[in-house]
Each structure stands twice: as structure tokens, then as C-alpha cells.
Amino acid sequence: MNLIPFTCIDWSSITKEQHEGETGVALWQVVQYPGLRVRIVEYKPNYKADHWCQKGHIVQCLEGEFINEQENGDIIVMKKGMTYVVSDDQSSHRSISEKGARLLIIDGDFLGSDLK
């Protein structure tokens, strides 16, 4: 277990990294600790992830709306104020957002994630 001292994150000072989707783009602001990654992710309109993800996450929808699509065909509409939690290898999922969304995403060793 890694101990993290009290830390206040000023998201306005964190650079946005652009990640291309199958369609559209996502902007990531990332704070990395040993074994823990904290991100603000903004899906621009018409975003569709370019891969199926099997990693574990805690995802809080801060603004907007997105679809959590499962490879088995299940679709969950995630709206502002909703959260999902999943451990590594417990689902194969991807995000789609027609109008855009802003998310807080936390992942790390405690979910079985390998962040190397």
C-alpha cells in the first residue's frame, strides 16, 4: 500500500491531453500517484471510444451524459450524478457520448489495474 499525503488538486493547472476515439476526441487531465490514477476526462460531442476496455474504474459523471456500452450488448445510460464501479476483467466496456460529458475517473491497484 502506498501512502499519499494530503493533496489538493487544482485541475485548472493540469494540462489536457487529447485522445482520439473511433469518432471524436476525449481530453484527459491526469494526476498519477504510485498505484493510483485520478483523471478528469471530457468527452467531446460524438465521442466513441476506439477500443473495448477491461480495466477497472470508478467513474463519476460530473456533467452531461454518456453511454457505457458492454461488449455483451448491455447499454447503461450514465447521467450527471451517476457512478459506476468495476474491477479489472469483470466487463468489457466502452464509452459513447453524443452530446459530450465530463467525468471523474479513478483507477489503480486496488481494482487490480496495472498502470505501468
PDB file of N, CA and C in Angstrom:
ATOM      1  N   MET A   1       0.837  -1.176   0.000  1.00  0.00           N
ATOM      2  CA  MET A   1       0.000   0.000   0.000  1.00  0.00           C
ATOM      3  C   MET A   1       0.888   1.248   0.000  1.00  0.00           C
ATOM      4  N   ASN A   2       0.574   2.171  -0.861  1.00  0.00           N
ATOM      5  CA  ASN A   2       1.311   3.430  -0.942  1.00  0.00           C
ATOM      6  C   ASN A   2       0.546   4.512  -0.198  1.00  0.00           C
ATOM      7  N   LEU A   3       1.251   5.265   0.628  1.00  0.00           N
ATOM      8  CA  LEU A   3       0.622   6.339   1.366  1.00  0.00           C
ATOM      9  C   LEU A   3       0.732   7.635   0.569  1.00  0.00           C
ATOM     10  N   ILE A   4      -0.372   8.327   0.436  1.00  0.00           N
ATOM     11  CA  ILE A   4      -0.410   9.592  -0.289  1.00  0.00           C
ATOM     12  C   ILE A   4      -0.687  10.681   0.728  1.00  0.00           C
ATOM     13  N   PRO A   5       0.183  11.688   0.808  1.00  0.00           N
ATOM     14  CA  PRO A   5      -0.072  12.772   1.758  1.00  0.00           C
ATOM     15  C   PRO A   5      -1.270  13.601   1.311  1.00  0.00           C
ATOM     16  N   PHE A   6      -1.816  14.396   2.209  1.00  0.00           N
ATOM     17  CA  PHE A   6      -2.910  15.283   1.851  1.00  0.00           C
ATOM     18  C   PHE A   6      -2.495  16.104   0.635  1.00  0.00           C
ATOM     19  N   THR A   7      -3.317  16.067  -0.390  1.00  0.00           N
ATOM     20  CA  THR A   7      -3.013  16.759  -1.638  1.00  0.00           C
ATOM     21  C   THR A   7      -4.271  17.419  -2.159  1.00  0.00           C
ATOM     22  N   CYS A   8      -4.156  18.666  -2.543  1.00  0.00           N
ATOM     23  CA  CYS A   8      -5.254  19.395  -3.170  1.00  0.00           C
ATOM     24  C   CYS A   8      -4.910  19.522  -4.657  1.00  0.00           C
ATOM     25  N   ILE A   9      -5.812  19.077  -5.518  1.00  0.00           N
ATOM     26  CA  ILE A   9      -5.566  19.120  -6.961  1.00  0.00           C
ATOM     27  C   ILE A   9      -6.280  20.332  -7.545  1.00  0.00           C
ATOM     28  N   ASP A  10      -5.525  21.222  -8.148  1.00  0.00           N
ATOM     29  CA  ASP A  10      -6.084  22.358  -8.883  1.00  0.00           C
ATOM     30  C   ASP A  10      -6.154  21.942 -10.345  1.00  0.00           C
ATOM     31  N   TRP A  11      -7.328  21.461 -10.757  1.00  0.00           N
ATOM     32  CA  TRP A  11      -7.486  20.914 -12.107  1.00  0.00           C
ATOM     33  C   TRP A  11      -7.199  21.955 -13.179  1.00  0.00           C
ATOM     34  N   SER A  12      -7.359  23.242 -12.865  1.00  0.00           N
ATOM     35  CA  SER A  12      -7.084  24.273 -13.868  1.00  0.00           C
ATOM     36  C   SER A  12      -5.593  24.346 -14.211  1.00  0.00           C
ATOM     37  N   SER A  13      -4.744  23.763 -13.376  1.00  0.00           N
ATOM     38  CA  SER A  13      -3.302  23.784 -13.633  1.00  0.00           C
ATOM     39  C   SER A  13      -2.806  22.502 -14.313  1.00  0.00           C
ATOM     40  N   ILE A  14      -3.689  21.545 -14.537  1.00  0.00           N
ATOM     41  CA  ILE A  14      -3.293  20.263 -15.123  1.00  0.00           C
ATOM     42  C   ILE A  14      -3.532  20.313 -16.639  1.00  0.00           C
ATOM     43  N   THR A  15      -2.500  20.042 -17.398  1.00  0.00           N
ATOM     44  CA  THR A  15      -2.569  20.060 -18.859  1.00  0.00           C
ATOM     45  C   THR A  15      -3.571  19.023 -19.374  1.00  0.00           C
ATOM     46  N   LYS A  16      -4.294  19.391 -20.426  1.00  0.00           N
ATOM     47  CA  LYS A  16      -5.240  18.475 -21.072  1.00  0.00           C
ATOM     48  C   LYS A  16      -4.536  17.728 -22.195  1.00  0.00           C
ATOM     49  N   GLU A  17      -4.649  16.398 -22.143  1.00  0.00           N
ATOM     50  CA  GLU A  17      -4.077  15.533 -23.173  1.00  0.00           C
ATOM     51  C   GLU A  17      -5.212  15.089 -24.089  1.00  0.00           C
ATOM     52  N   GLN A  18      -5.022  15.201 -25.393  1.00  0.00           N
ATOM     53  CA  GLN A  18      -6.070  14.793 -26.336  1.00  0.00           C
ATOM     54  C   GLN A  18      -5.893  13.335 -26.724  1.00  0.00           C
ATOM     55  N   HIS A  19      -6.995  12.566 -26.637  1.00  0.00           N
ATOM     56  CA  HIS A  19      -7.016  11.162 -27.026  1.00  0.00           C
ATOM     57  C   HIS A  19      -8.094  10.985 -28.085  1.00  0.00           C
ATOM     58  N   GLU A  20      -7.681  10.509 -29.247  1.00  0.00           N
ATOM     59  CA  GLU A  20      -8.612  10.295 -30.352  1.00  0.00           C
ATOM     60  C   GLU A  20      -9.454   9.056 -30.081  1.00  0.00           C
ATOM     61  N   GLY A  21     -10.748   9.149 -30.363  1.00  0.00           N
ATOM     62  CA  GLY A  21     -11.621   7.997 -30.291  1.00  0.00           C
ATOM     63  C   GLY A  21     -11.825   7.413 -31.672  1.00  0.00           C
ATOM     64  N   GLU A  22     -12.670   6.393 -31.761  1.00  0.00           N
ATOM     65  CA  GLU A  22     -13.082   5.905 -33.075  1.00  0.00           C
ATOM     66  C   GLU A  22     -13.731   7.061 -33.828  1.00  0.00           C
ATOM     67  N   THR A  23     -14.529   7.843 -33.080  1.00  0.00           N
ATOM     68  CA  THR A  23     -15.026   9.133 -33.551  1.00  0.00           C
ATOM     69  C   THR A  23     -14.839  10.121 -32.410  1.00  0.00           C
ATOM     70  N   GLY A  24     -14.604  11.361 -32.730  1.00  0.00           N
ATOM     71  CA  GLY A  24     -14.470  12.400 -31.721  1.00  0.00           C
ATOM     72  C   GLY A  24     -13.201  12.274 -30.898  1.00  0.00           C
ATOM     73  N   VAL A  25     -13.134  13.111 -29.861  1.00  0.00           N
ATOM     74  CA  VAL A  25     -11.950  13.129 -29.002  1.00  0.00           C
ATOM     75  C   VAL A  25     -12.350  13.190 -27.534  1.00  0.00           C
ATOM     76  N   ALA A  26     -11.412  12.767 -26.704  1.00  0.00           N
ATOM     77  CA  ALA A  26     -11.537  12.893 -25.252  1.00  0.00           C
ATOM     78  C   ALA A  26     -10.332  13.691 -24.765  1.00  0.00           C
ATOM     79  N   LEU A  27     -10.564  14.588 -23.827  1.00  0.00           N
ATOM     80  CA  LEU A  27      -9.488  15.359 -23.205  1.00  0.00           C
ATOM     81  C   LEU A  27      -9.281  14.829 -21.797  1.00  0.00           C
ATOM     82  N   TRP A  28      -8.049  14.440 -21.486  1.00  0.00           N
ATOM     83  CA  TRP A  28      -7.713  13.873 -20.181  1.00  0.00           C
ATOM     84  C   TRP A  28      -6.836  14.834 -19.411  1.00  0.00           C
ATOM     85  N   GLN A  29      -7.157  15.028 -18.145  1.00  0.00           N
ATOM     86  CA  GLN A  29      -6.265  15.663 -17.185  1.00  0.00           C
ATOM     87  C   GLN A  29      -5.930  14.579 -16.176  1.00  0.00           C
ATOM     88  N   VAL A  30      -4.641  14.297 -16.022  1.00  0.00           N
ATOM     89  CA  VAL A  30      -4.213  13.124 -15.257  1.00  0.00           C
ATOM     90  C   VAL A  30      -3.312  13.529 -14.092  1.00  0.00           C
ATOM     91  N   VAL A  31      -3.614  12.971 -12.922  1.00  0.00           N
ATOM     92  CA  VAL A  31      -2.729  13.049 -11.765  1.00  0.00           C
ATOM     93  C   VAL A  31      -2.387  11.611 -11.406  1.00  0.00           C
ATOM     94  N   GLN A  32      -1.084  11.304 -11.418  1.00  0.00           N
ATOM     95  CA  GLN A  32      -0.618   9.937 -11.200  1.00  0.00           C
ATOM     96  C   GLN A  32       0.127   9.838  -9.873  1.00  0.00           C
ATOM     97  N   TYR A  33      -0.254   8.862  -9.075  1.00  0.00           N
ATOM     98  CA  TYR A  33       0.440   8.507  -7.852  1.00  0.00           C
ATOM     99  C   TYR A  33       0.882   7.056  -7.997  1.00  0.00           C
ATOM    100  N   PRO A  34       1.782   6.586  -7.150  1.00  0.00           N
ATOM    101  CA  PRO A  34       2.117   5.160  -7.210  1.00  0.00           C
ATOM    102  C   PRO A  34       0.870   4.314  -6.958  1.00  0.00           C
ATOM    103  N   GLY A  35       0.470   3.548  -7.948  1.00  0.00           N
ATOM    104  CA  GLY A  35      -0.673   2.648  -7.814  1.00  0.00           C
ATOM    105  C   GLY A  35      -2.036   3.291  -7.896  1.00  0.00           C
ATOM    106  N   LEU A  36      -2.100   4.575  -8.229  1.00  0.00           N
ATOM    107  CA  LEU A  36      -3.385   5.281  -8.289  1.00  0.00           C
ATOM    108  C   LEU A  36      -3.334   6.346  -9.377  1.00  0.00           C
ATOM    109  N   ARG A  37      -4.371   6.372 -10.216  1.00  0.00           N
ATOM    110  CA  ARG A  37      -4.503   7.408 -11.237  1.00  0.00           C
ATOM    111  C   ARG A  37      -5.857   8.080 -11.053  1.00  0.00           C
ATOM    112  N   VAL A  38      -5.841   9.417 -11.038  1.00  0.00           N
ATOM    113  CA  VAL A  38      -7.059  10.220 -10.909  1.00  0.00           C
ATOM    114  C   VAL A  38      -7.135  11.092 -12.158  1.00  0.00           C
ATOM    115  N   ARG A  39      -8.298  11.084 -12.825  1.00  0.00           N
ATOM    116  CA  ARG A  39      -8.431  11.834 -14.078  1.00  0.00           C
ATOM    117  C   ARG A  39      -9.749  12.596 -14.122  1.00  0.00           C
ATOM    118  N   ILE A  40      -9.702  13.750 -14.755  1.00  0.00           N
ATOM    119  CA  ILE A  40     -10.900  14.401 -15.251  1.00  0.00           C
ATOM    120  C   ILE A  40     -10.867  14.151 -16.757  1.00  0.00           C
ATOM    121  N   VAL A  41     -11.914  13.555 -17.276  1.00  0.00           N
ATOM    122  CA  VAL A  41     -11.986  13.240 -18.698  1.00  0.00           C
ATOM    123  C   VAL A  41     -13.208  13.935 -19.276  1.00  0.00           C
ATOM    124  N   GLU A  42     -12.986  14.657 -20.352  1.00  0.00           N
ATOM    125  CA  GLU A  42     -14.074  15.333 -21.046  1.00  0.00           C
ATOM    126  C   GLU A  42     -14.260  14.686 -22.408  1.00  0.00           C
ATOM    127  N   TYR A  43     -15.450  14.090 -22.618  1.00  0.00           N
ATOM    128  CA  TYR A  43     -15.791  13.567 -23.930  1.00  0.00           C
ATOM    129  C   TYR A  43     -16.407  14.706 -24.723  1.00  0.00           C
ATOM    130  N   LYS A  44     -15.825  15.002 -25.860  1.00  0.00           N
ATOM    131  CA  LYS A  44     -16.405  15.994 -26.760  1.00  0.00           C
ATOM    132  C   LYS A  44     -17.596  15.361 -27.471  1.00  0.00           C
ATOM    133  N   PRO A  45     -18.511  16.179 -28.028  1.00  0.00           N
ATOM    134  CA  PRO A  45     -19.668  15.607 -28.734  1.00  0.00           C
ATOM    135  C   PRO A  45     -19.237  14.605 -29.812  1.00  0.00           C
ATOM    136  N   ASN A  46     -20.060  13.577 -29.963  1.00  0.00           N
ATOM    137  CA  ASN A  46     -19.862  12.500 -30.949  1.00  0.00           C
ATOM    138  C   ASN A  46     -18.621  11.652 -30.670  1.00  0.00           C
ATOM    139  N   TYR A  47     -18.287  11.502 -29.378  1.00  0.00           N
ATOM    140  CA  TYR A  47     -17.152  10.658 -28.985  1.00  0.00           C
ATOM    141  C   TYR A  47     -17.590   9.201 -28.900  1.00  0.00           C
ATOM    142  N   LYS A  48     -16.741   8.328 -29.443  1.00  0.00           N
ATOM    143  CA  LYS A  48     -16.905   6.881 -29.287  1.00  0.00           C
ATOM    144  C   LYS A  48     -15.515   6.304 -29.083  1.00  0.00           C
ATOM    145  N   ALA A  49     -15.310   5.595 -27.984  1.00  0.00           N
ATOM    146  CA  ALA A  49     -14.005   5.010 -27.676  1.00  0.00           C
ATOM    147  C   ALA A  49     -13.553   4.097 -28.807  1.00  0.00           C
ATOM    148  N   ASP A  50     -12.249   4.046 -29.008  1.00  0.00           N
ATOM    149  CA  ASP A  50     -11.696   3.254 -30.104  1.00  0.00           C
ATOM    150  C   ASP A  50     -11.325   1.831 -29.696  1.00  0.00           C
ATOM    151  N   HIS A  51     -11.722   1.407 -28.497  1.00  0.00           N
ATOM    152  CA  HIS A  51     -11.389   0.062 -28.029  1.00  0.00           C
ATOM    153  C   HIS A  51     -12.370  -0.383 -26.940  1.00  0.00           C
ATOM    154  N   TRP A  52     -12.423  -1.684 -26.713  1.00  0.00           N
ATOM    155  CA  TRP A  52     -13.139  -2.255 -25.583  1.00  0.00           C
ATOM    156  C   TRP A  52     -12.153  -2.310 -24.430  1.00  0.00           C
ATOM    157  N   CYS A  53     -12.567  -1.836 -23.276  1.00  0.00           N
ATOM    158  CA  CYS A  53     -11.689  -1.742 -22.107  1.00  0.00           C
ATOM    159  C   CYS A  53     -12.074  -2.810 -21.083  1.00  0.00           C
ATOM    160  N   GLN A  54     -11.081  -3.479 -20.538  1.00  0.00           N
ATOM    161  CA  GLN A  54     -11.317  -4.472 -19.477  1.00  0.00           C
ATOM    162  C   GLN A  54     -10.762  -4.009 -18.135  1.00  0.00           C
ATOM    163  N   LYS A  55     -10.239  -2.778 -18.080  1.00  0.00           N
ATOM    164  CA  LYS A  55      -9.652  -2.264 -16.841  1.00  0.00           C
ATOM    165  C   LYS A  55     -10.721  -1.857 -15.833  1.00  0.00           C
ATOM    166  N   GLY A  56     -10.337  -1.861 -14.584  1.00  0.00           N
ATOM    167  CA  GLY A  56     -11.232  -1.434 -13.516  1.00  0.00           C
ATOM    168  C   GLY A  56     -11.232   0.076 -13.362  1.00  0.00           C
ATOM    169  N   HIS A  57     -12.385   0.623 -13.016  1.00  0.00           N
ATOM    170  CA  HIS A  57     -12.525   2.070 -12.824  1.00  0.00           C
ATOM    171  C   HIS A  57     -13.597   2.368 -11.786  1.00  0.00           C
ATOM    172  N   ILE A  58     -13.510   3.540 -11.209  1.00  0.00           N
ATOM    173  CA  ILE A  58     -14.639   4.196 -10.557  1.00  0.00           C
ATOM    174  C   ILE A  58     -14.891   5.423 -11.411  1.00  0.00           C
ATOM    175  N   VAL A  59     -16.096   5.547 -11.961  1.00  0.00           N
ATOM    176  CA  VAL A  59     -16.416   6.634 -12.887  1.00  0.00           C
ATOM    177  C   VAL A  59     -17.622   7.402 -12.366  1.00  0.00           C
ATOM    178  N   GLN A  60     -17.432   8.693 -12.151  1.00  0.00           N
ATOM    179  CA  GLN A  60     -18.494   9.602 -11.712  1.00  0.00           C
ATOM    180  C   GLN A  60     -18.777  10.569 -12.854  1.00  0.00           C
ATOM    181  N   CYS A  61     -20.019  10.623 -13.302  1.00  0.00           N
ATOM    182  CA  CYS A  61     -20.419  11.574 -14.346  1.00  0.00           C
ATOM    183  C   CYS A  61     -20.680  12.926 -13.677  1.00  0.00           C
ATOM    184  N   LEU A  62     -19.826  13.901 -13.989  1.00  0.00           N
ATOM    185  CA  LEU A  62     -19.927  15.234 -13.394  1.00  0.00           C
ATOM    186  C   LEU A  62     -20.862  16.151 -14.175  1.00  0.00           C
ATOM    187  N   GLU A  63     -20.858  15.999 -15.493  1.00  0.00           N
ATOM    188  CA  GLU A  63     -21.686  16.827 -16.379  1.00  0.00           C
ATOM    189  C   GLU A  63     -22.025  16.014 -17.609  1.00  0.00           C
ATOM    190  N   GLY A  64     -23.163  16.324 -18.217  1.00  0.00           N
ATOM    191  CA  GLY A  64     -23.532  15.697 -19.480  1.00  0.00           C
ATOM    192  C   GLY A  64     -24.055  14.290 -19.310  1.00  0.00           C
ATOM    193  N   GLU A  65     -23.827  13.485 -20.355  1.00  0.00           N
ATOM    194  CA  GLU A  65     -24.375  12.133 -20.408  1.00  0.00           C
ATOM    195  C   GLU A  65     -23.524  11.301 -21.360  1.00  0.00           C
ATOM    196  N   PHE A  66     -23.346  10.037 -21.011  1.00  0.00           N
ATOM    197  CA  PHE A  66     -22.653   9.122 -21.915  1.00  0.00           C
ATOM    198  C   PHE A  66     -23.243   7.733 -21.779  1.00  0.00           C
ATOM    199  N   ILE A  67     -22.960   6.898 -22.746  1.00  0.00           N
ATOM    200  CA  ILE A  67     -23.406   5.509 -22.730  1.00  0.00           C
ATOM    201  C   ILE A  67     -22.222   4.640 -22.363  1.00  0.00           C
ATOM    202  N   ASN A  68     -22.418   3.762 -21.390  1.00  0.00           N
ATOM    203  CA  ASN A  68     -21.471   2.710 -21.095  1.00  0.00           C
ATOM    204  C   ASN A  68     -21.990   1.490 -21.838  1.00  0.00           C
ATOM    205  N   GLU A  69     -21.315   1.154 -22.927  1.00  0.00           N
ATOM    206  CA  GLU A  69     -21.725   0.009 -23.748  1.00  0.00           C
ATOM    207  C   GLU A  69     -20.882  -1.196 -23.358  1.00  0.00           C
ATOM    208  N   GLN A  70     -21.545  -2.293 -23.078  1.00  0.00           N
ATOM    209  CA  GLN A  70     -20.862  -3.544 -22.748  1.00  0.00           C
ATOM    210  C   GLN A  70     -20.739  -4.383 -24.020  1.00  0.00           C
ATOM    211  N   GLU A  71     -19.644  -5.100 -24.144  1.00  0.00           N
ATOM    212  CA  GLU A  71     -19.433  -5.923 -25.330  1.00  0.00           C
ATOM    213  C   GLU A  71     -20.512  -6.996 -25.485  1.00  0.00           C
ATOM    214  N   ASN A  72     -21.167  -7.372 -24.361  1.00  0.00           N
ATOM    215  CA  ASN A  72     -22.245  -8.369 -24.420  1.00  0.00           C
ATOM    216  C   ASN A  72     -23.567  -7.768 -24.915  1.00  0.00           C
ATOM    217  N   GLY A  73     -23.565  -6.451 -25.230  1.00  0.00           N
ATOM    218  CA  GLY A  73     -24.765  -5.807 -25.762  1.00  0.00           C
ATOM    219  C   GLY A  73     -25.510  -4.946 -24.768  1.00  0.00           C
ATOM    220  N   ASP A  74     -25.210  -5.064 -23.472  1.00  0.00           N
ATOM    221  CA  ASP A  74     -25.881  -4.232 -22.472  1.00  0.00           C
ATOM    222  C   ASP A  74     -25.480  -2.767 -22.671  1.00  0.00           C
ATOM    223  N   ILE A  75     -26.446  -1.872 -22.463  1.00  0.00           N
ATOM    224  CA  ILE A  75     -26.207  -0.439 -22.569  1.00  0.00           C
ATOM    225  C   ILE A  75     -26.719   0.226 -21.303  1.00  0.00           C
ATOM    226  N   ILE A  76     -25.853   1.029 -20.680  1.00  0.00           N
ATOM    227  CA  ILE A  76     -26.228   1.773 -19.483  1.00  0.00           C
ATOM    228  C   ILE A  76     -26.034   3.254 -19.792  1.00  0.00           C
ATOM    229  N   VAL A  77     -27.103   4.029 -19.659  1.00  0.00           N
ATOM    230  CA  VAL A  77     -27.009   5.471 -19.869  1.00  0.00           C
ATOM    231  C   VAL A  77     -26.579   6.095 -18.550  1.00  0.00           C
ATOM    232  N   MET A  78     -25.434   6.757 -18.577  1.00  0.00           N
ATOM    233  CA  MET A  78     -24.861   7.387 -17.393  1.00  0.00           C
ATOM    234  C   MET A  78     -25.118   8.886 -17.487  1.00  0.00           C
ATOM    235  N   LYS A  79     -25.818   9.422 -16.488  1.00  0.00           N
ATOM    236  CA  LYS A  79     -26.153  10.839 -16.453  1.00  0.00           C
ATOM    237  C   LYS A  79     -25.452  11.519 -15.284  1.00  0.00           C
ATOM    238  N   LYS A  80     -25.442  12.844 -15.301  1.00  0.00           N
ATOM    239  CA  LYS A  80     -24.842  13.635 -14.228  1.00  0.00           C
ATOM    240  C   LYS A  80     -25.299  13.101 -12.869  1.00  0.00           C
ATOM    241  N   GLY A  81     -24.329  12.878 -11.987  1.00  0.00           N
ATOM    242  CA  GLY A  81     -24.629  12.393 -10.642  1.00  0.00           C
ATOM    243  C   GLY A  81     -24.566  10.887 -10.500  1.00  0.00           C
ATOM    244  N   MET A  82     -24.413  10.152 -11.610  1.00  0.00           N
ATOM    245  CA  MET A  82     -24.351   8.691 -11.549  1.00  0.00           C
ATOM    246  C   MET A  82     -22.895   8.219 -11.521  1.00  0.00           C
ATOM    247  N   THR A  83     -22.690   7.047 -10.911  1.00  0.00           N
ATOM    248  CA  THR A  83     -21.367   6.454 -10.764  1.00  0.00           C
ATOM    249  C   THR A  83     -21.434   4.990 -11.147  1.00  0.00           C
ATOM    250  N   TYR A  84     -20.363   4.494 -11.795  1.00  0.00           N
ATOM    251  CA  TYR A  84     -20.229   3.044 -11.903  1.00  0.00           C
ATOM    252  C   TYR A  84     -18.871   2.621 -11.381  1.00  0.00           C
ATOM    253  N   VAL A  85     -18.823   1.382 -10.894  1.00  0.00           N
ATOM    254  CA  VAL A  85     -17.613   0.801 -10.322  1.00  0.00           C
ATOM    255  C   VAL A  85     -17.436  -0.578 -10.923  1.00  0.00           C
ATOM    256  N   VAL A  86     -16.213  -0.895 -11.351  1.00  0.00           N
ATOM    257  CA  VAL A  86     -15.921  -2.226 -11.886  1.00  0.00           C
ATOM    258  C   VAL A  86     -14.444  -2.536 -11.648  1.00  0.00           C
ATOM    259  N   SER A  87     -14.157  -3.789 -11.332  1.00  0.00           N
ATOM    260  CA  SER A  87     -12.776  -4.240 -11.183  1.00  0.00           C
ATOM    261  C   SER A  87     -12.241  -4.734 -12.520  1.00  0.00           C
ATOM    262  N   ASP A  88     -10.919  -4.882 -12.592  1.00  0.00           N
ATOM    263  CA  ASP A  88     -10.295  -5.410 -13.803  1.00  0.00           C
ATOM    264  C   ASP A  88     -10.942  -6.731 -14.222  1.00  0.00           C
ATOM    265  N   ASP A  89     -11.071  -6.896 -15.528  1.00  0.00           N
ATOM    266  CA  ASP A  89     -11.512  -8.152 -16.142  1.00  0.00           C
ATOM    267  C   ASP A  89     -12.914  -8.591 -15.740  1.00  0.00           C
ATOM    268  N   GLN A  90     -13.741  -7.668 -15.235  1.00  0.00           N
ATOM    269  CA  GLN A  90     -15.119  -8.009 -14.857  1.00  0.00           C
ATOM    270  C   GLN A  90     -16.133  -7.559 -15.901  1.00  0.00           C
ATOM    271  N   SER A  91     -15.689  -6.790 -16.894  1.00  0.00           N
ATOM    272  CA  SER A  91     -16.546  -6.431 -18.022  1.00  0.00           C
ATOM    273  C   SER A  91     -15.653  -5.955 -19.150  1.00  0.00           C
ATOM    274  N   SER A  92     -16.211  -5.958 -20.329  1.00  0.00           N
ATOM    275  CA  SER A  92     -15.563  -5.375 -21.493  1.00  0.00           C
ATOM    276  C   SER A  92     -16.471  -4.237 -21.918  1.00  0.00           C
ATOM    277  N   HIS A  93     -16.015  -3.005 -21.765  1.00  0.00           N
ATOM    278  CA  HIS A  93     -16.884  -1.848 -21.911  1.00  0.00           C
ATOM    279  C   HIS A  93     -16.209  -0.746 -22.724  1.00  0.00           C
ATOM    280  N   ARG A  94     -17.036   0.164 -23.247  1.00  0.00           N
ATOM    281  CA  ARG A  94     -16.521   1.364 -23.908  1.00  0.00           C
ATOM    282  C   ARG A  94     -17.542   2.473 -23.734  1.00  0.00           C
ATOM    283  N   SER A  95     -17.070   3.702 -23.908  1.00  0.00           N
ATOM    284  CA  SER A  95     -17.917   4.876 -23.714  1.00  0.00           C
ATOM    285  C   SER A  95     -18.273   5.504 -25.056  1.00  0.00           C
ATOM    286  N   ILE A  96     -19.503   6.018 -25.107  1.00  0.00           N
ATOM    287  CA  ILE A  96     -20.013   6.734 -26.268  1.00  0.00           C
ATOM    288  C   ILE A  96     -20.758   7.949 -25.740  1.00  0.00           C
ATOM    289  N   SER A  97     -20.511   9.118 -26.328  1.00  0.00           N
ATOM    290  CA  SER A  97     -21.231  10.315 -25.903  1.00  0.00           C
ATOM    291  C   SER A  97     -21.626  11.140 -27.118  1.00  0.00           C
ATOM    292  N   GLU A  98     -22.923  11.293 -27.299  1.00  0.00           N
ATOM    293  CA  GLU A  98     -23.435  12.065 -28.428  1.00  0.00           C
ATOM    294  C   GLU A  98     -23.262  13.567 -28.211  1.00  0.00           C
ATOM    295  N   LYS A  99     -23.572  14.029 -26.994  1.00  0.00           N
ATOM    296  CA  LYS A  99     -23.558  15.469 -26.714  1.00  0.00           C
ATOM    297  C   LYS A  99     -22.371  15.926 -25.884  1.00  0.00           C
ATOM    298  N   GLY A 100     -21.596  14.989 -25.368  1.00  0.00           N
ATOM    299  CA  GLY A 100     -20.448  15.323 -24.538  1.00  0.00           C
ATOM    300  C   GLY A 100     -20.717  15.046 -23.066  1.00  0.00           C
ATOM    301  N   ALA A 101     -19.639  14.869 -22.320  1.00  0.00           N
ATOM    302  CA  ALA A 101     -19.737  14.586 -20.882  1.00  0.00           C
ATOM    303  C   ALA A 101     -18.405  14.929 -20.223  1.00  0.00           C
ATOM    304  N   ARG A 102     -18.464  15.143 -18.922  1.00  0.00           N
ATOM    305  CA  ARG A 102     -17.262  15.388 -18.109  1.00  0.00           C
ATOM    306  C   ARG A 102     -17.297  14.404 -16.953  1.00  0.00           C
ATOM    307  N   LEU A 103     -16.197  13.669 -16.754  1.00  0.00           N
ATOM    308  CA  LEU A 103     -16.155  12.571 -15.797  1.00  0.00           C
ATOM    309  C   LEU A 103     -14.975  12.712 -14.842  1.00  0.00           C
ATOM    310  N   LEU A 104     -15.136  12.177 -13.647  1.00  0.00           N
ATOM    311  CA  LEU A 104     -14.031  11.934 -12.730  1.00  0.00           C
ATOM    312  C   LEU A 104     -13.811  10.426 -12.761  1.00  0.00           C
ATOM    313  N   ILE A 105     -12.588  10.009 -13.110  1.00  0.00           N
ATOM    314  CA  ILE A 105     -12.282   8.579 -13.219  1.00  0.00           C
ATOM    315  C   ILE A 105     -11.108   8.263 -12.305  1.00  0.00           C
ATOM    316  N   ILE A 106     -11.293   7.248 -11.473  1.00  0.00           N
ATOM    317  CA  ILE A 106     -10.250   6.799 -10.548  1.00  0.00           C
ATOM    318  C   ILE A 106      -9.982   5.333 -10.836  1.00  0.00           C
ATOM    319  N   ASP A 107      -8.714   5.009 -11.029  1.00  0.00           N
ATOM    320  CA  ASP A 107      -8.347   3.608 -11.188  1.00  0.00           C
ATOM    321  C   ASP A 107      -6.997   3.378 -10.535  1.00  0.00           C
ATOM    322  N   GLY A 108      -6.740   2.117 -10.243  1.00  0.00           N
ATOM    323  CA  GLY A 108      -5.483   1.827  -9.577  1.00  0.00           C
ATOM    324  C   GLY A 108      -5.369   0.391  -9.110  1.00  0.00           C
ATOM    325  N   ASP A 109      -4.308   0.142  -8.390  1.00  0.00           N
ATOM    326  CA  ASP A 109      -4.008  -1.213  -7.940  1.00  0.00           C
ATOM    327  C   ASP A 109      -5.152  -1.843  -7.143  1.00  0.00           C
ATOM    328  N   PHE A 110      -5.889  -1.025  -6.388  1.00  0.00           N
ATOM    329  CA  PHE A 110      -6.958  -1.556  -5.547  1.00  0.00           C
ATOM    330  C   PHE A 110      -8.090  -2.178  -6.377  1.00  0.00           C
ATOM    331  N   LEU A 111      -8.128  -1.895  -7.688  1.00  0.00           N
ATOM    332  CA  LEU A 111      -9.092  -2.520  -8.597  1.00  0.00           C
ATOM    333  C   LEU A 111      -8.433  -3.595  -9.454  1.00  0.00           C
ATOM    334  N   GLY A 112      -7.161  -3.818  -9.179  1.00  0.00           N
ATOM    335  CA  GLY A 112      -6.406  -4.806  -9.963  1.00  0.00           C
ATOM    336  C   GLY A 112      -5.748  -4.187 -11.185  1.00  0.00           C
ATOM    337  N   SER A 113      -5.816  -2.847 -11.343  1.00  0.00           N
ATOM    338  CA  SER A 113      -5.275  -2.188 -12.527  1.00  0.00           C
ATOM    339  C   SER A 113      -3.756  -2.193 -12.522  1.00  0.00           C
ATOM    340  N   ASP A 114      -3.193  -2.412 -13.694  1.00  0.00           N
ATOM    341  CA  ASP A 114      -1.750  -2.288 -13.911  1.00  0.00           C
ATOM    342  C   ASP A 114      -1.545  -0.970 -14.669  1.00  0.00           C
ATOM    343  N   LEU A 115      -1.070   0.052 -14.005  1.00  0.00           N
ATOM    344  CA  LEU A 115      -0.970   1.388 -14.601  1.00  0.00           C
ATOM    345  C   LEU A 115       0.429   1.687 -15.123  1.00  0.00           C
ATOM    346  N   LYS A 116       1.247   0.714 -15.291  1.00  0.00           N
ATOM    347  CA  LYS A 116       2.628   0.939 -15.752  1.00  0.00           C
ATOM    348  C   LYS A 116       2.650   1.292 -17.214  1.00  0.00           C
TER     349      LYS A 116
END
